[in-house]
PDB file of N, CA and C in Angstrom:
ATOM      1  N   MET A   1      19.514 -35.304   0.998  1.00  0.00           N
ATOM      2  CA  MET A   1      19.097 -34.248   1.930  1.00  0.00           C
ATOM      3  C   MET A   1      20.228 -33.486   2.555  1.00  0.00           C
ATOM      4  N   PRO A   2      21.382 -34.063   2.781  1.00  0.00           N
ATOM      5  CA  PRO A   2      22.484 -33.314   3.400  1.00  0.00           C
ATOM      6  C   PRO A   2      22.894 -32.028   2.691  1.00  0.00           C
ATOM      7  N   SER A   3      22.831 -32.037   1.369  1.00  0.00           N
ATOM      8  CA  SER A   3      23.243 -30.869   0.639  1.00  0.00           C
ATOM      9  C   SER A   3      22.297 -29.746   0.927  1.00  0.00           C
ATOM     10  N   PHE A   4      20.939 -30.006   1.023  1.00  0.00           N
ATOM     11  CA  PHE A   4      20.020 -28.956   1.389  1.00  0.00           C
ATOM     12  C   PHE A   4      20.329 -28.314   2.753  1.00  0.00           C
ATOM     13  N   THR A   5      20.612 -29.220   3.661  1.00  0.00           N
ATOM     14  CA  THR A   5      20.917 -28.753   5.064  1.00  0.00           C
ATOM     15  C   THR A   5      22.192 -27.973   5.054  1.00  0.00           C
ATOM     16  N   LYS A   6      23.222 -28.324   4.304  1.00  0.00           N
ATOM     17  CA  LYS A   6      24.420 -27.590   4.270  1.00  0.00           C
ATOM     18  C   LYS A   6      24.213 -26.262   3.592  1.00  0.00           C
ATOM     19  N   ARG A   7      23.354 -26.209   2.539  1.00  0.00           N
ATOM     20  CA  ARG A   7      23.085 -24.980   1.849  1.00  0.00           C
ATOM     21  C   ARG A   7      22.373 -24.041   2.796  1.00  0.00           C
ATOM     22  N   LYS A   8      21.422 -24.625   3.525  1.00  0.00           N
ATOM     23  CA  LYS A   8      20.560 -23.743   4.369  1.00  0.00           C
ATOM     24  C   LYS A   8      21.502 -23.204   5.478  1.00  0.00           C
ATOM     25  N   LYS A   9      22.385 -24.010   6.034  1.00  0.00           N
ATOM     26  CA  LYS A   9      23.418 -23.529   7.039  1.00  0.00           C
ATOM     27  C   LYS A   9      24.247 -22.479   6.472  1.00  0.00           C
ATOM     28  N   ALA A  10      24.745 -22.683   5.205  1.00  0.00           N
ATOM     29  CA  ALA A  10      25.651 -21.716   4.576  1.00  0.00           C
ATOM     30  C   ALA A  10      24.954 -20.386   4.401  1.00  0.00           C
ATOM     31  N   THR A  11      23.703 -20.398   3.982  1.00  0.00           N
ATOM     32  CA  THR A  11      22.930 -19.227   3.773  1.00  0.00           C
ATOM     33  C   THR A  11      22.732 -18.510   5.159  1.00  0.00           C
ATOM     34  N   ARG A  12      22.497 -19.270   6.205  1.00  0.00           N
ATOM     35  CA  ARG A  12      22.325 -18.648   7.545  1.00  0.00           C
ATOM     36  C   ARG A  12      23.569 -18.001   7.972  1.00  0.00           C
ATOM     37  N   VAL A  13      24.710 -18.681   7.719  1.00  0.00           N
ATOM     38  CA  VAL A  13      26.014 -18.066   8.097  1.00  0.00           C
ATOM     39  C   VAL A  13      26.269 -16.803   7.338  1.00  0.00           C
ATOM     40  N   LYS A  14      25.984 -16.789   6.065  1.00  0.00           N
ATOM     41  CA  LYS A  14      26.215 -15.620   5.193  1.00  0.00           C
ATOM     42  C   LYS A  14      25.344 -14.434   5.697  1.00  0.00           C
ATOM     43  N   VAL A  15      24.076 -14.743   5.995  1.00  0.00           N
ATOM     44  CA  VAL A  15      23.183 -13.670   6.486  1.00  0.00           C
ATOM     45  C   VAL A  15      23.647 -13.158   7.854  1.00  0.00           C
ATOM     46  N   SER A  16      24.027 -14.043   8.692  1.00  0.00           N
ATOM     47  CA  SER A  16      24.580 -13.611  10.055  1.00  0.00           C
ATOM     48  C   SER A  16      25.773 -12.784   9.855  1.00  0.00           C
ATOM     49  N   ALA A  17      26.743 -13.088   9.020  1.00  0.00           N
ATOM     50  CA  ALA A  17      27.980 -12.336   8.785  1.00  0.00           C
ATOM     51  C   ALA A  17      27.573 -10.960   8.202  1.00  0.00           C
ATOM     52  N   HIS A  18      26.659 -10.961   7.337  1.00  0.00           N
ATOM     53  CA  HIS A  18      26.239  -9.659   6.683  1.00  0.00           C
ATOM     54  C   HIS A  18      25.663  -8.726   7.709  1.00  0.00           C
ATOM     55  N   ARG A  19      24.767  -9.299   8.533  1.00  0.00           N
ATOM     56  CA  ARG A  19      24.173  -8.505   9.632  1.00  0.00           C
ATOM     57  C   ARG A  19      25.171  -8.002  10.618  1.00  0.00           C
ATOM     58  N   ALA A  20      26.113  -8.755  10.919  1.00  0.00           N
ATOM     59  CA  ALA A  20      27.261  -8.332  11.820  1.00  0.00           C
ATOM     60  C   ALA A  20      28.030  -7.210  11.228  1.00  0.00           C
ATOM     61  N   ARG A  21      28.366  -7.262   9.953  1.00  0.00           N
ATOM     62  CA  ARG A  21      29.048  -6.203   9.275  1.00  0.00           C
ATOM     63  C   ARG A  21      28.274  -4.954   9.271  1.00  0.00           C
ATOM     64  N   MET A  22      26.943  -5.066   9.061  1.00  0.00           N
ATOM     65  CA  MET A  22      26.115  -3.908   9.004  1.00  0.00           C
ATOM     66  C   MET A  22      26.000  -3.236  10.419  1.00  0.00           C
ATOM     67  N   ARG A  23      25.879  -4.019  11.445  1.00  0.00           N
ATOM     68  CA  ARG A  23      25.843  -3.554  12.816  1.00  0.00           C
ATOM     69  C   ARG A  23      27.142  -2.837  13.161  1.00  0.00           C
ATOM     70  N   ALA A  24      28.278  -3.407  12.725  1.00  0.00           N
ATOM     71  CA  ALA A  24      29.626  -2.799  12.984  1.00  0.00           C
ATOM     72  C   ALA A  24      29.751  -1.475  12.275  1.00  0.00           C
ATOM     73  N   GLN A  25      28.915  -1.199  11.218  1.00  0.00           N
ATOM     74  CA  GLN A  25      28.928   0.033  10.561  1.00  0.00           C
ATOM     75  C   GLN A  25      27.900   0.965  11.163  1.00  0.00           C
ATOM     76  N   GLY A  26      27.357   0.588  12.280  1.00  0.00           N
ATOM     77  CA  GLY A  26      26.345   1.487  12.969  1.00  0.00           C
ATOM     78  C   GLY A  26      24.913   1.380  12.356  1.00  0.00           C
ATOM     79  N   MET A  27      24.686   0.372  11.550  1.00  0.00           N
ATOM     80  CA  MET A  27      23.383   0.175  10.974  1.00  0.00           C
ATOM     81  C   MET A  27      22.476  -0.665  11.933  1.00  0.00           C
ATOM     82  N   ARG A  28      21.202  -0.524  11.713  1.00  0.00           N
ATOM     83  CA  ARG A  28      20.247  -1.264  12.501  1.00  0.00           C
ATOM     84  C   ARG A  28      19.211  -1.845  11.534  1.00  0.00           C
ATOM     85  N   LEU A  29      18.935  -3.180  11.740  1.00  0.00           N
ATOM     86  CA  LEU A  29      18.007  -3.842  10.863  1.00  0.00           C
ATOM     87  C   LEU A  29      16.560  -3.269  11.137  1.00  0.00           C
ATOM     88  N   LEU A  30      15.896  -2.992  10.017  1.00  0.00           N
ATOM     89  CA  LEU A  30      14.492  -2.473  10.079  1.00  0.00           C
ATOM     90  C   LEU A  30      13.688  -3.316   9.158  1.00  0.00           C
ATOM     91  N   GLN A  31      12.579  -3.872   9.694  1.00  0.00           N
ATOM     92  CA  GLN A  31      11.667  -4.615   8.855  1.00  0.00           C
ATOM     93  C   GLN A  31      10.322  -3.967   8.980  1.00  0.00           C
ATOM     94  N   ILE A  32       9.636  -3.830   7.813  1.00  0.00           N
ATOM     95  CA  ILE A  32       8.355  -3.202   7.871  1.00  0.00           C
ATOM     96  C   ILE A  32       7.347  -4.050   7.136  1.00  0.00           C
ATOM     97  N   TRP A  33       6.124  -3.919   7.472  1.00  0.00           N
ATOM     98  CA  TRP A  33       5.000  -4.583   6.769  1.00  0.00           C
ATOM     99  C   TRP A  33       4.395  -3.634   5.750  1.00  0.00           C
ATOM    100  N   VAL A  34       4.157  -4.132   4.549  1.00  0.00           N
ATOM    101  CA  VAL A  34       3.548  -3.312   3.522  1.00  0.00           C
ATOM    102  C   VAL A  34       2.325  -4.013   3.012  1.00  0.00           C
ATOM    103  N   PRO A  35       1.382  -3.308   2.521  1.00  0.00           N
ATOM    104  CA  PRO A  35       0.158  -3.884   2.001  1.00  0.00           C
ATOM    105  C   PRO A  35       0.453  -4.863   0.888  1.00  0.00           C
ATOM    106  N   ASP A  36      -0.197  -6.031   0.951  1.00  0.00           N
ATOM    107  CA  ASP A  36      -0.080  -7.039  -0.118  1.00  0.00           C
ATOM    108  C   ASP A  36      -1.462  -7.142  -0.731  1.00  0.00           C
ATOM    109  N   SER A  37      -1.700  -6.235  -1.695  1.00  0.00           N
ATOM    110  CA  SER A  37      -2.984  -6.258  -2.355  1.00  0.00           C
ATOM    111  C   SER A  37      -2.845  -5.873  -3.807  1.00  0.00           C
ATOM    112  N   PRO A  38      -3.723  -6.175  -4.653  1.00  0.00           N
ATOM    113  CA  PRO A  38      -3.620  -5.821  -6.081  1.00  0.00           C
ATOM    114  C   PRO A  38      -3.578  -4.334  -6.245  1.00  0.00           C
ATOM    115  N   GLY A  39      -4.251  -3.547  -5.380  1.00  0.00           N
ATOM    116  CA  GLY A  39      -4.289  -2.134  -5.459  1.00  0.00           C
ATOM    117  C   GLY A  39      -2.892  -1.550  -5.176  1.00  0.00           C
ATOM    118  N   PHE A  40      -2.185  -2.164  -4.135  1.00  0.00           N
ATOM    119  CA  PHE A  40      -0.895  -1.682  -3.833  1.00  0.00           C
ATOM    120  C   PHE A  40       0.112  -1.913  -4.975  1.00  0.00           C
ATOM    121  N   ALA A  41       0.098  -3.135  -5.490  1.00  0.00           N
ATOM    122  CA  ALA A  41       1.024  -3.459  -6.563  1.00  0.00           C
ATOM    123  C   ALA A  41       0.763  -2.519  -7.715  1.00  0.00           C
ATOM    124  N   LYS A  42      -0.454  -2.324  -8.091  1.00  0.00           N
ATOM    125  CA  LYS A  42      -0.869  -1.462  -9.221  1.00  0.00           C
ATOM    126  C   LYS A  42      -0.285  -0.005  -8.992  1.00  0.00           C
ATOM    127  N   GLU A  43      -0.480   0.445  -7.776  1.00  0.00           N
ATOM    128  CA  GLU A  43       0.038   1.815  -7.551  1.00  0.00           C
ATOM    129  C   GLU A  43       1.569   1.904  -7.513  1.00  0.00           C
ATOM    130  N   ALA A  44       2.186   0.793  -7.042  1.00  0.00           N
ATOM    131  CA  ALA A  44       3.697   0.804  -7.065  1.00  0.00           C
ATOM    132  C   ALA A  44       4.199   0.769  -8.504  1.00  0.00           C
ATOM    133  N   ARG A  45       3.548  -0.005  -9.413  1.00  0.00           N
ATOM    134  CA  ARG A  45       3.965  -0.058 -10.821  1.00  0.00           C
ATOM    135  C   ARG A  45       3.713   1.378 -11.423  1.00  0.00           C
ATOM    136  N   ARG A  46       2.558   1.989 -11.158  1.00  0.00           N
ATOM    137  CA  ARG A  46       2.267   3.301 -11.610  1.00  0.00           C
ATOM    138  C   ARG A  46       3.376   4.307 -11.273  1.00  0.00           C
ATOM    139  N   GLN A  47       3.757   4.276  -9.983  1.00  0.00           N
ATOM    140  CA  GLN A  47       4.836   5.231  -9.500  1.00  0.00           C
ATOM    141  C   GLN A  47       6.131   4.967 -10.205  1.00  0.00           C
ATOM    142  N   ALA A  48       6.499   3.605 -10.307  1.00  0.00           N
ATOM    143  CA  ALA A  48       7.745   3.239 -10.869  1.00  0.00           C
ATOM    144  C   ALA A  48       7.783   3.722 -12.362  1.00  0.00           C
ATOM    145  N   ARG A  49       6.684   3.525 -13.073  1.00  0.00           N
ATOM    146  CA  ARG A  49       6.664   4.057 -14.478  1.00  0.00           C
ATOM    147  C   ARG A  49       6.760   5.472 -14.579  1.00  0.00           C
ATOM    148  N   ALA A  50       6.162   6.194 -13.640  1.00  0.00           N
ATOM    149  CA  ALA A  50       6.253   7.705 -13.674  1.00  0.00           C
ATOM    150  C   ALA A  50       7.630   8.130 -13.436  1.00  0.00           C
ATOM    151  N   ILE A  51       8.335   7.484 -12.570  1.00  0.00           N
ATOM    152  CA  ILE A  51       9.739   7.825 -12.344  1.00  0.00           C
ATOM    153  C   ILE A  51      10.574   7.576 -13.515  1.00  0.00           C
ATOM    154  N   THR A  52      10.385   6.399 -14.152  1.00  0.00           N
ATOM    155  CA  THR A  52      11.119   5.980 -15.340  1.00  0.00           C
ATOM    156  C   THR A  52      10.937   6.967 -16.485  1.00  0.00           C
ATOM    157  N   ARG A  53       9.728   7.479 -16.612  1.00  0.00           N
ATOM    158  CA  ARG A  53       9.409   8.399 -17.738  1.00  0.00           C
ATOM    159  C   ARG A  53       9.810   9.890 -17.424  1.00  0.00           C
ATOM    160  N   SER A  54      10.248  10.113 -16.204  1.00  0.00           N
ATOM    161  CA  SER A  54      10.608  11.514 -15.811  1.00  0.00           C
ATOM    162  C   SER A  54      11.871  11.943 -16.542  1.00  0.00           C
ATOM    163  N   PRO A  55      11.869  13.247 -16.924  1.00  0.00           N
ATOM    164  CA  PRO A  55      13.070  13.819 -17.589  1.00  0.00           C
ATOM    165  C   PRO A  55      14.291  13.786 -16.641  1.00  0.00           C
ATOM    166  N   GLN A  56      13.980  13.747 -15.252  1.00  0.00           N
ATOM    167  CA  GLN A  56      15.082  13.702 -14.306  1.00  0.00           C
ATOM    168  C   GLN A  56      15.412  12.354 -13.842  1.00  0.00           C
ATOM    169  N   GLU A  57      15.020  11.313 -14.502  1.00  0.00           N
ATOM    170  CA  GLU A  57      15.151   9.907 -14.102  1.00  0.00           C
ATOM    171  C   GLU A  57      16.622   9.577 -13.859  1.00  0.00           C
ATOM    172  N   LYS A  58      17.450   9.886 -14.825  1.00  0.00           N
ATOM    173  CA  LYS A  58      18.882   9.631 -14.677  1.00  0.00           C
ATOM    174  C   LYS A  58      19.567  10.340 -13.501  1.00  0.00           C
ATOM    175  N   ASP A  59      19.205  11.559 -13.275  1.00  0.00           N
ATOM    176  CA  ASP A  59      19.775  12.288 -12.152  1.00  0.00           C
ATOM    177  C   ASP A  59      19.255  11.712 -10.795  1.00  0.00           C
ATOM    178  N   ASP A  60      17.914  11.387 -10.833  1.00  0.00           N
ATOM    179  CA  ASP A  60      17.309  10.791  -9.636  1.00  0.00           C
ATOM    180  C   ASP A  60      17.974   9.482  -9.278  1.00  0.00           C
ATOM    181  N   GLN A  61      18.153   8.630 -10.284  1.00  0.00           N
ATOM    182  CA  GLN A  61      18.765   7.371 -10.034  1.00  0.00           C
ATOM    183  C   GLN A  61      20.199   7.502  -9.570  1.00  0.00           C
ATOM    184  N   ALA A  62      20.939   8.395 -10.186  1.00  0.00           N
ATOM    185  CA  ALA A  62      22.324   8.593  -9.750  1.00  0.00           C
ATOM    186  C   ALA A  62      22.353   9.037  -8.269  1.00  0.00           C
ATOM    187  N   PHE A  63      21.408   9.848  -7.886  1.00  0.00           N
ATOM    188  CA  PHE A  63      21.315  10.323  -6.512  1.00  0.00           C
ATOM    189  C   PHE A  63      21.108   9.113  -5.552  1.00  0.00           C
ATOM    190  N   VAL A  64      20.178   8.279  -5.913  1.00  0.00           N
ATOM    191  CA  VAL A  64      19.865   7.156  -5.072  1.00  0.00           C
ATOM    192  C   VAL A  64      21.022   6.185  -5.007  1.00  0.00           C
ATOM    193  N   ASP A  65      21.674   5.967  -6.185  1.00  0.00           N
ATOM    194  CA  ASP A  65      22.853   5.112  -6.220  1.00  0.00           C
ATOM    195  C   ASP A  65      23.957   5.629  -5.341  1.00  0.00           C
ATOM    196  N   SER A  66      24.142   6.976  -5.372  1.00  0.00           N
ATOM    197  CA  SER A  66      25.246   7.573  -4.527  1.00  0.00           C
ATOM    198  C   SER A  66      24.948   7.314  -3.062  1.00  0.00           C
ATOM    199  N   LEU A  67      23.698   7.378  -2.687  1.00  0.00           N
ATOM    200  CA  LEU A  67      23.358   7.301  -1.280  1.00  0.00           C
ATOM    201  C   LEU A  67      23.520   5.771  -0.821  1.00  0.00           C
ATOM    202  N   SER A  68      23.150   4.814  -1.725  1.00  0.00           N
ATOM    203  CA  SER A  68      23.138   3.435  -1.237  1.00  0.00           C
ATOM    204  C   SER A  68      24.423   2.741  -1.627  1.00  0.00           C
ATOM    205  N   SER A  69      25.299   3.255  -2.390  1.00  0.00           N
ATOM    206  CA  SER A  69      26.494   2.524  -2.831  1.00  0.00           C
ATOM    207  C   SER A  69      27.391   2.149  -1.688  1.00  0.00           C
ATOM    208  N   TRP A  70      27.505   3.025  -0.715  1.00  0.00           N
ATOM    209  CA  TRP A  70      28.422   2.773   0.478  1.00  0.00           C
ATOM    210  C   TRP A  70      27.989   1.453   1.204  1.00  0.00           C
ATOM    211  N   ILE A  71      26.696   1.115   1.161  1.00  0.00           N
ATOM    212  CA  ILE A  71      26.239  -0.035   1.867  1.00  0.00           C
ATOM    213  C   ILE A  71      26.848  -1.254   1.334  1.00  0.00           C
ATOM    214  N   TRP A  72      27.086  -1.287  -0.007  1.00  0.00           N
ATOM    215  CA  TRP A  72      27.534  -2.518  -0.645  1.00  0.00           C
ATOM    216  C   TRP A  72      29.039  -2.524  -0.958  1.00  0.00           C
ATOM    217  N   GLU A  73      29.778  -1.556  -0.489  1.00  0.00           N
ATOM    218  CA  GLU A  73      31.235  -1.473  -0.718  1.00  0.00           C
ATOM    219  C   GLU A  73      32.008  -2.628  -0.215  1.00  0.00           C
ATOM    220  N   ASP A  74      31.629  -3.183   0.949  1.00  0.00           N
ATOM    221  CA  ASP A  74      32.381  -4.332   1.611  1.00  0.00           C
ATOM    222  C   ASP A  74      31.963  -5.630   1.019  1.00  0.00           C
ATOM    223  N   GLU A  75      31.019  -5.685   0.163  1.00  0.00           N
ATOM    224  CA  GLU A  75      30.504  -7.029  -0.283  1.00  0.00           C
ATOM    225  C   GLU A  75      31.310  -7.473  -1.425  1.00  0.00           C
TER     226      GLU A  75
END
C-alpha cells in the first residue's frame, strides 16, 4: 500500500506545482460541467468528424496549436 500512497502524493504535488505555474502566468483555473448523455457524445463525434473532413482542417488545427502551444512551453 505505501507505493500507492506515495504515487498519490506525487501526483498531488505535480498538480499543485502545475497550477502554481499557471497562476504565475496569470491564468485562472476554470472548471465547467458538460452534458453526459449519449446525445451529447454523438453530437461531439459528429462535429469532430466534420472538422476532420473540412478542407481547412490543417489550417484550423495549426491555428489552435499556435494558440495553445504557449501553455505547454514550460512543461
